Amino acid sequence: MFHSNRPIHKVPFTPFDIIIECCSIGLLVYIWVHFAMVFGELPETVPSHFNSAGQPDSYSGKNFLFFLPILATGLYILMFVLTKYPYQHNYMVNITEENAPQQYRFSVTVLRVVNLLCTIMFAYINYQILLGAKTNETDLGMGFVITIIGASILLPIVILIYQKRMIK
């Protein structure tokens, strides 16, 4: 849904935004460099899916591993582009000329942080899959699953609490 009646404001980069974006881009570079360095050493069959305990339960040809860096890069680009259009985001309040700068800033910051967290997750998964493919001992671990579920629950709660404080 397009929100044509919302004010359009550019959200300038802050030092925090620059740090977040540099970290995300650095992780993407790491994913691609690590992938390029170990790809030739990998066996022809590698783990491609993991069960809820983090154990591999499906295998594919090693060319399948191109999927993770491509997906991580594509997701980063998509979310980065979305930060340019905060007036199109969903909000829990009616956006007015007065509250738009603050609401847009918050929305863009949340999107950048989520983008970084996704990039961290992809970097970790990519690292573990490549390491496991080389050593034949792939295990993302239950801690990874708990961390992802915990972050998926805690991040929206933190956002809601902060959003409520912004409204008051």
C-alpha atoms as a PDB file:
ATOM      1  CA  MET A   1       0.000   0.000   0.000  1.00  0.00           C
ATOM      2  CA  PHE A   2       1.330   3.387  -0.947  1.00  0.00           C
ATOM      3  CA  HIS A   3       1.025   6.204   1.546  1.00  0.00           C
ATOM      4  CA  SER A   4       0.879   9.180  -0.807  1.00  0.00           C
ATOM      5  CA  ASN A   5      -0.391  11.566   1.875  1.00  0.00           C
ATOM      6  CA  ARG A   6       2.652  11.126   4.107  1.00  0.00           C
ATOM      7  CA  PRO A   7       5.306  13.835   4.187  1.00  0.00           C
ATOM      8  CA  ILE A   8       8.490  12.945   2.370  1.00  0.00           C
ATOM      9  CA  HIS A   9      11.675  13.638   4.313  1.00  0.00           C
ATOM     10  CA  LYS A  10      15.178  12.445   3.586  1.00  0.00           C
ATOM     11  CA  VAL A  11      16.766  10.718   6.556  1.00  0.00           C
ATOM     12  CA  PRO A  12      20.435  11.724   6.651  1.00  0.00           C
ATOM     13  CA  PHE A  13      23.130   9.280   7.684  1.00  0.00           C
ATOM     14  CA  THR A  14      24.313   9.548  11.269  1.00  0.00           C
ATOM     15  CA  PRO A  15      27.692   8.280  12.502  1.00  0.00           C
ATOM     16  CA  PHE A  16      25.828   5.264  13.944  1.00  0.00           C
ATOM     17  CA  ASP A  17      24.286   4.554  10.515  1.00  0.00           C
ATOM     18  CA  ILE A  18      27.711   4.710   8.894  1.00  0.00           C
ATOM     19  CA  ILE A  19      29.146   2.271  11.443  1.00  0.00           C
ATOM     20  CA  ILE A  20      26.233  -0.142  10.953  1.00  0.00           C
ATOM     21  CA  GLU A  21      26.514   0.007   7.147  1.00  0.00           C
ATOM     22  CA  CYS A  22      30.306  -0.443   7.235  1.00  0.00           C
ATOM     23  CA  CYS A  23      29.921  -3.483   9.489  1.00  0.00           C
ATOM     24  CA  SER A  24      27.295  -4.983   7.166  1.00  0.00           C
ATOM     25  CA  ILE A  25      29.383  -4.356   4.053  1.00  0.00           C
ATOM     26  CA  GLY A  26      32.492  -5.683   5.810  1.00  0.00           C
ATOM     27  CA  LEU A  27      30.637  -8.887   6.650  1.00  0.00           C
ATOM     28  CA  LEU A  28      29.460  -9.249   3.057  1.00  0.00           C
ATOM     29  CA  VAL A  29      33.028  -8.831   1.839  1.00  0.00           C
ATOM     30  CA  TYR A  30      34.128 -11.435   4.392  1.00  0.00           C
ATOM     31  CA  ILE A  31      31.423 -13.868   3.193  1.00  0.00           C
ATOM     32  CA  TRP A  32      32.530 -13.549  -0.435  1.00  0.00           C
ATOM     33  CA  VAL A  33      36.287 -13.624   0.281  1.00  0.00           C
ATOM     34  CA  HIS A  34      36.004 -16.635   2.599  1.00  0.00           C
ATOM     35  CA  PHE A  35      33.788 -18.389   0.065  1.00  0.00           C
ATOM     36  CA  ALA A  36      36.251 -17.718  -2.769  1.00  0.00           C
ATOM     37  CA  MET A  37      39.199 -18.906  -0.670  1.00  0.00           C
ATOM     38  CA  VAL A  38      37.725 -22.288   0.304  1.00  0.00           C
ATOM     39  CA  PHE A  39      35.435 -23.139  -2.609  1.00  0.00           C
ATOM     40  CA  GLY A  40      38.113 -25.056  -4.530  1.00  0.00           C
ATOM     41  CA  GLU A  41      38.926 -27.191  -1.468  1.00  0.00           C
ATOM     42  CA  LEU A  42      35.336 -28.309  -0.847  1.00  0.00           C
ATOM     43  CA  PRO A  43      34.010 -31.798  -1.597  1.00  0.00           C
ATOM     44  CA  GLU A  44      31.435 -32.130  -4.357  1.00  0.00           C
ATOM     45  CA  THR A  45      28.625 -32.803  -1.825  1.00  0.00           C
ATOM     46  CA  VAL A  46      28.047 -30.411   1.096  1.00  0.00           C
ATOM     47  CA  PRO A  47      25.346 -29.895   3.777  1.00  0.00           C
ATOM     48  CA  SER A  48      22.563 -27.650   2.476  1.00  0.00           C
ATOM     49  CA  HIS A  49      19.883 -27.837   5.175  1.00  0.00           C
ATOM     50  CA  PHE A  50      19.855 -28.290   8.936  1.00  0.00           C
ATOM     51  CA  ASN A  51      17.266 -29.606  11.387  1.00  0.00           C
ATOM     52  CA  SER A  52      16.129 -27.757  14.506  1.00  0.00           C
ATOM     53  CA  ALA A  53      19.082 -29.143  16.467  1.00  0.00           C
ATOM     54  CA  GLY A  54      21.506 -27.676  13.936  1.00  0.00           C
ATOM     55  CA  GLN A  55      22.474 -31.045  12.437  1.00  0.00           C
ATOM     56  CA  PRO A  56      22.661 -31.417   8.629  1.00  0.00           C
ATOM     57  CA  ASP A  57      19.680 -33.285   7.218  1.00  0.00           C
ATOM     58  CA  SER A  58      20.071 -32.586   3.504  1.00  0.00           C
ATOM     59  CA  TYR A  59      23.024 -32.388   1.136  1.00  0.00           C
ATOM     60  CA  SER A  60      23.601 -30.736  -2.242  1.00  0.00           C
ATOM     61  CA  GLY A  61      26.344 -30.164  -4.759  1.00  0.00           C
ATOM     62  CA  LYS A  62      28.912 -27.575  -3.717  1.00  0.00           C
ATOM     63  CA  ASN A  63      27.658 -25.103  -6.348  1.00  0.00           C
ATOM     64  CA  PHE A  64      24.575 -24.749  -4.131  1.00  0.00           C
ATOM     65  CA  LEU A  65      26.792 -22.821  -1.707  1.00  0.00           C
ATOM     66  CA  PHE A  66      26.732 -19.834  -4.086  1.00  0.00           C
ATOM     67  CA  PHE A  67      23.146 -19.406  -2.886  1.00  0.00           C
ATOM     68  CA  LEU A  68      24.101 -18.098   0.583  1.00  0.00           C
ATOM     69  CA  PRO A  69      26.424 -15.253  -0.479  1.00  0.00           C
ATOM     70  CA  ILE A  70      24.023 -14.268  -3.260  1.00  0.00           C
ATOM     71  CA  LEU A  71      21.051 -14.328  -0.881  1.00  0.00           C
ATOM     72  CA  ALA A  72      22.935 -12.359   1.788  1.00  0.00           C
ATOM     73  CA  THR A  73      24.007  -9.732  -0.741  1.00  0.00           C
ATOM     74  CA  GLY A  74      20.545  -9.484  -2.316  1.00  0.00           C
ATOM     75  CA  LEU A  75      18.845  -9.134   1.060  1.00  0.00           C
ATOM     76  CA  TYR A  76      21.337  -6.472   2.156  1.00  0.00           C
ATOM     77  CA  ILE A  77      20.758  -4.453  -1.029  1.00  0.00           C
ATOM     78  CA  LEU A  78      16.975  -4.752  -0.759  1.00  0.00           C
ATOM     79  CA  MET A  79      16.931  -3.617   2.863  1.00  0.00           C
ATOM     80  CA  PHE A  80      19.400  -0.807   2.129  1.00  0.00           C
ATOM     81  CA  VAL A  81      17.124   0.458  -0.659  1.00  0.00           C
ATOM     82  CA  LEU A  82      14.134   0.294   1.709  1.00  0.00           C
ATOM     83  CA  THR A  83      15.893   2.724   4.058  1.00  0.00           C
ATOM     84  CA  LYS A  84      15.608   5.332   1.297  1.00  0.00           C
ATOM     85  CA  TYR A  85      11.792   5.243   1.429  1.00  0.00           C
ATOM     86  CA  PRO A  86      10.777   5.522   5.094  1.00  0.00           C
ATOM     87  CA  TYR A  87       7.493   7.189   4.141  1.00  0.00           C
ATOM     88  CA  GLN A  88       6.449   3.822   2.668  1.00  0.00           C
ATOM     89  CA  HIS A  89       7.142   1.862   5.884  1.00  0.00           C
ATOM     90  CA  ASN A  90       4.411   0.728   8.272  1.00  0.00           C
ATOM     91  CA  TYR A  91       3.996   2.651  11.519  1.00  0.00           C
ATOM     92  CA  MET A  92       1.980   2.224  14.691  1.00  0.00           C
ATOM     93  CA  VAL A  93       1.041   5.914  14.662  1.00  0.00           C
ATOM     94  CA  ASN A  94      -0.375   8.297  12.116  1.00  0.00           C
ATOM     95  CA  ILE A  95       2.514  10.058  10.381  1.00  0.00           C
ATOM     96  CA  THR A  96       2.245  13.842  10.427  1.00  0.00           C
ATOM     97  CA  GLU A  97       4.570  16.617   9.363  1.00  0.00           C
ATOM     98  CA  GLU A  98       5.560  17.048  13.024  1.00  0.00           C
ATOM     99  CA  ASN A  99       6.387  13.440  13.897  1.00  0.00           C
ATOM    100  CA  ALA A 100       7.664  12.290  10.498  1.00  0.00           C
ATOM    101  CA  PRO A 101      11.376  13.067  11.050  1.00  0.00           C
ATOM    102  CA  GLN A 102      11.474  11.201  14.371  1.00  0.00           C
ATOM    103  CA  GLN A 103       9.393   8.254  13.127  1.00  0.00           C
ATOM    104  CA  TYR A 104      11.363   7.964   9.875  1.00  0.00           C
ATOM    105  CA  ARG A 105      14.694   8.126  11.740  1.00  0.00           C
ATOM    106  CA  PHE A 106      13.573   5.340  14.081  1.00  0.00           C
ATOM    107  CA  SER A 107      12.274   3.174  11.235  1.00  0.00           C
ATOM    108  CA  VAL A 108      15.461   3.568   9.200  1.00  0.00           C
ATOM    109  CA  THR A 109      17.635   2.785  12.240  1.00  0.00           C
ATOM    110  CA  VAL A 110      15.637  -0.364  13.019  1.00  0.00           C
ATOM    111  CA  LEU A 111      15.908  -1.476   9.406  1.00  0.00           C
ATOM    112  CA  ARG A 112      19.672  -0.931   9.405  1.00  0.00           C
ATOM    113  CA  VAL A 113      20.084  -2.912  12.639  1.00  0.00           C
ATOM    114  CA  VAL A 114      17.920  -5.755  11.313  1.00  0.00           C
ATOM    115  CA  ASN A 115      19.970  -5.709   8.114  1.00  0.00           C
ATOM    116  CA  LEU A 116      23.184  -6.013  10.149  1.00  0.00           C
ATOM    117  CA  LEU A 117      21.736  -8.851  12.242  1.00  0.00           C
ATOM    118  CA  CYS A 118      20.703 -10.711   9.074  1.00  0.00           C
ATOM    119  CA  THR A 119      24.167 -10.212   7.609  1.00  0.00           C
ATOM    120  CA  ILE A 120      25.763 -11.522  10.823  1.00  0.00           C
ATOM    121  CA  MET A 121      23.493 -14.558  10.665  1.00  0.00           C
ATOM    122  CA  PHE A 122      24.394 -15.247   7.029  1.00  0.00           C
ATOM    123  CA  ALA A 123      28.109 -14.802   7.755  1.00  0.00           C
ATOM    124  CA  TYR A 124      27.905 -17.294  10.620  1.00  0.00           C
ATOM    125  CA  ILE A 125      25.899 -19.841   8.630  1.00  0.00           C
ATOM    126  CA  ASN A 126      28.197 -19.471   5.628  1.00  0.00           C
ATOM    127  CA  TYR A 127      31.278 -19.884   7.845  1.00  0.00           C
ATOM    128  CA  GLN A 128      29.886 -22.979   9.578  1.00  0.00           C
ATOM    129  CA  ILE A 129      28.758 -24.629   6.340  1.00  0.00           C
ATOM    130  CA  LEU A 130      32.094 -24.004   4.632  1.00  0.00           C
ATOM    131  CA  LEU A 131      34.034 -25.173   7.693  1.00  0.00           C
ATOM    132  CA  GLY A 132      31.842 -28.239   8.029  1.00  0.00           C
ATOM    133  CA  ALA A 133      32.107 -29.066   4.346  1.00  0.00           C
ATOM    134  CA  LYS A 134      35.902 -29.032   4.669  1.00  0.00           C
ATOM    135  CA  THR A 135      36.060 -31.018   7.923  1.00  0.00           C
ATOM    136  CA  ASN A 136      32.910 -33.125   7.431  1.00  0.00           C
ATOM    137  CA  GLU A 137      31.733 -32.078  10.926  1.00  0.00           C
ATOM    138  CA  THR A 138      29.002 -29.513  10.303  1.00  0.00           C
ATOM    139  CA  ASP A 139      26.940 -28.525  13.328  1.00  0.00           C
ATOM    140  CA  LEU A 140      25.313 -25.120  13.662  1.00  0.00           C
ATOM    141  CA  GLY A 141      24.521 -26.016  17.258  1.00  0.00           C
ATOM    142  CA  MET A 142      21.439 -25.571  19.401  1.00  0.00           C
ATOM    143  CA  GLY A 143      22.853 -22.276  20.663  1.00  0.00           C
ATOM    144  CA  PHE A 144      22.471 -20.830  17.162  1.00  0.00           C
ATOM    145  CA  VAL A 145      18.824 -21.886  16.985  1.00  0.00           C
ATOM    146  CA  ILE A 146      18.101 -20.473  20.455  1.00  0.00           C
ATOM    147  CA  THR A 147      19.868 -17.209  19.559  1.00  0.00           C
ATOM    148  CA  ILE A 148      17.841 -16.795  16.344  1.00  0.00           C
ATOM    149  CA  ILE A 149      14.546 -17.548  18.102  1.00  0.00           C
ATOM    150  CA  GLY A 150      15.468 -15.292  21.036  1.00  0.00           C
ATOM    151  CA  ALA A 151      16.435 -12.403  18.770  1.00  0.00           C
ATOM    152  CA  SER A 152      13.245 -12.906  16.735  1.00  0.00           C
ATOM    153  CA  ILE A 153      11.205 -12.528  19.912  1.00  0.00           C
ATOM    154  CA  LEU A 154      13.245  -9.866  21.741  1.00  0.00           C
ATOM    155  CA  LEU A 155      13.828  -7.435  18.862  1.00  0.00           C
ATOM    156  CA  PRO A 156      10.107  -6.783  18.218  1.00  0.00           C
ATOM    157  CA  ILE A 157       9.500  -6.385  21.957  1.00  0.00           C
ATOM    158  CA  VAL A 158      12.312  -3.828  22.241  1.00  0.00           C
ATOM    159  CA  ILE A 159      10.984  -1.996  19.185  1.00  0.00           C
ATOM    160  CA  LEU A 160       7.445  -1.904  20.622  1.00  0.00           C
ATOM    161  CA  ILE A 161       8.634  -0.582  23.984  1.00  0.00           C
ATOM    162  CA  TYR A 162      10.784   2.108  22.365  1.00  0.00           C
ATOM    163  CA  GLN A 163       7.974   3.021  19.975  1.00  0.00           C
ATOM    164  CA  LYS A 164       5.550   3.438  22.877  1.00  0.00           C
ATOM    165  CA  ARG A 165       8.031   5.728  24.683  1.00  0.00           C
ATOM    166  CA  MET A 166       8.472   7.797  21.494  1.00  0.00           C
ATOM    167  CA  ILE A 167       4.719   8.322  21.244  1.00  0.00           C
ATOM    168  CA  LYS A 168       4.422   9.665  24.827  1.00  0.00           C
END
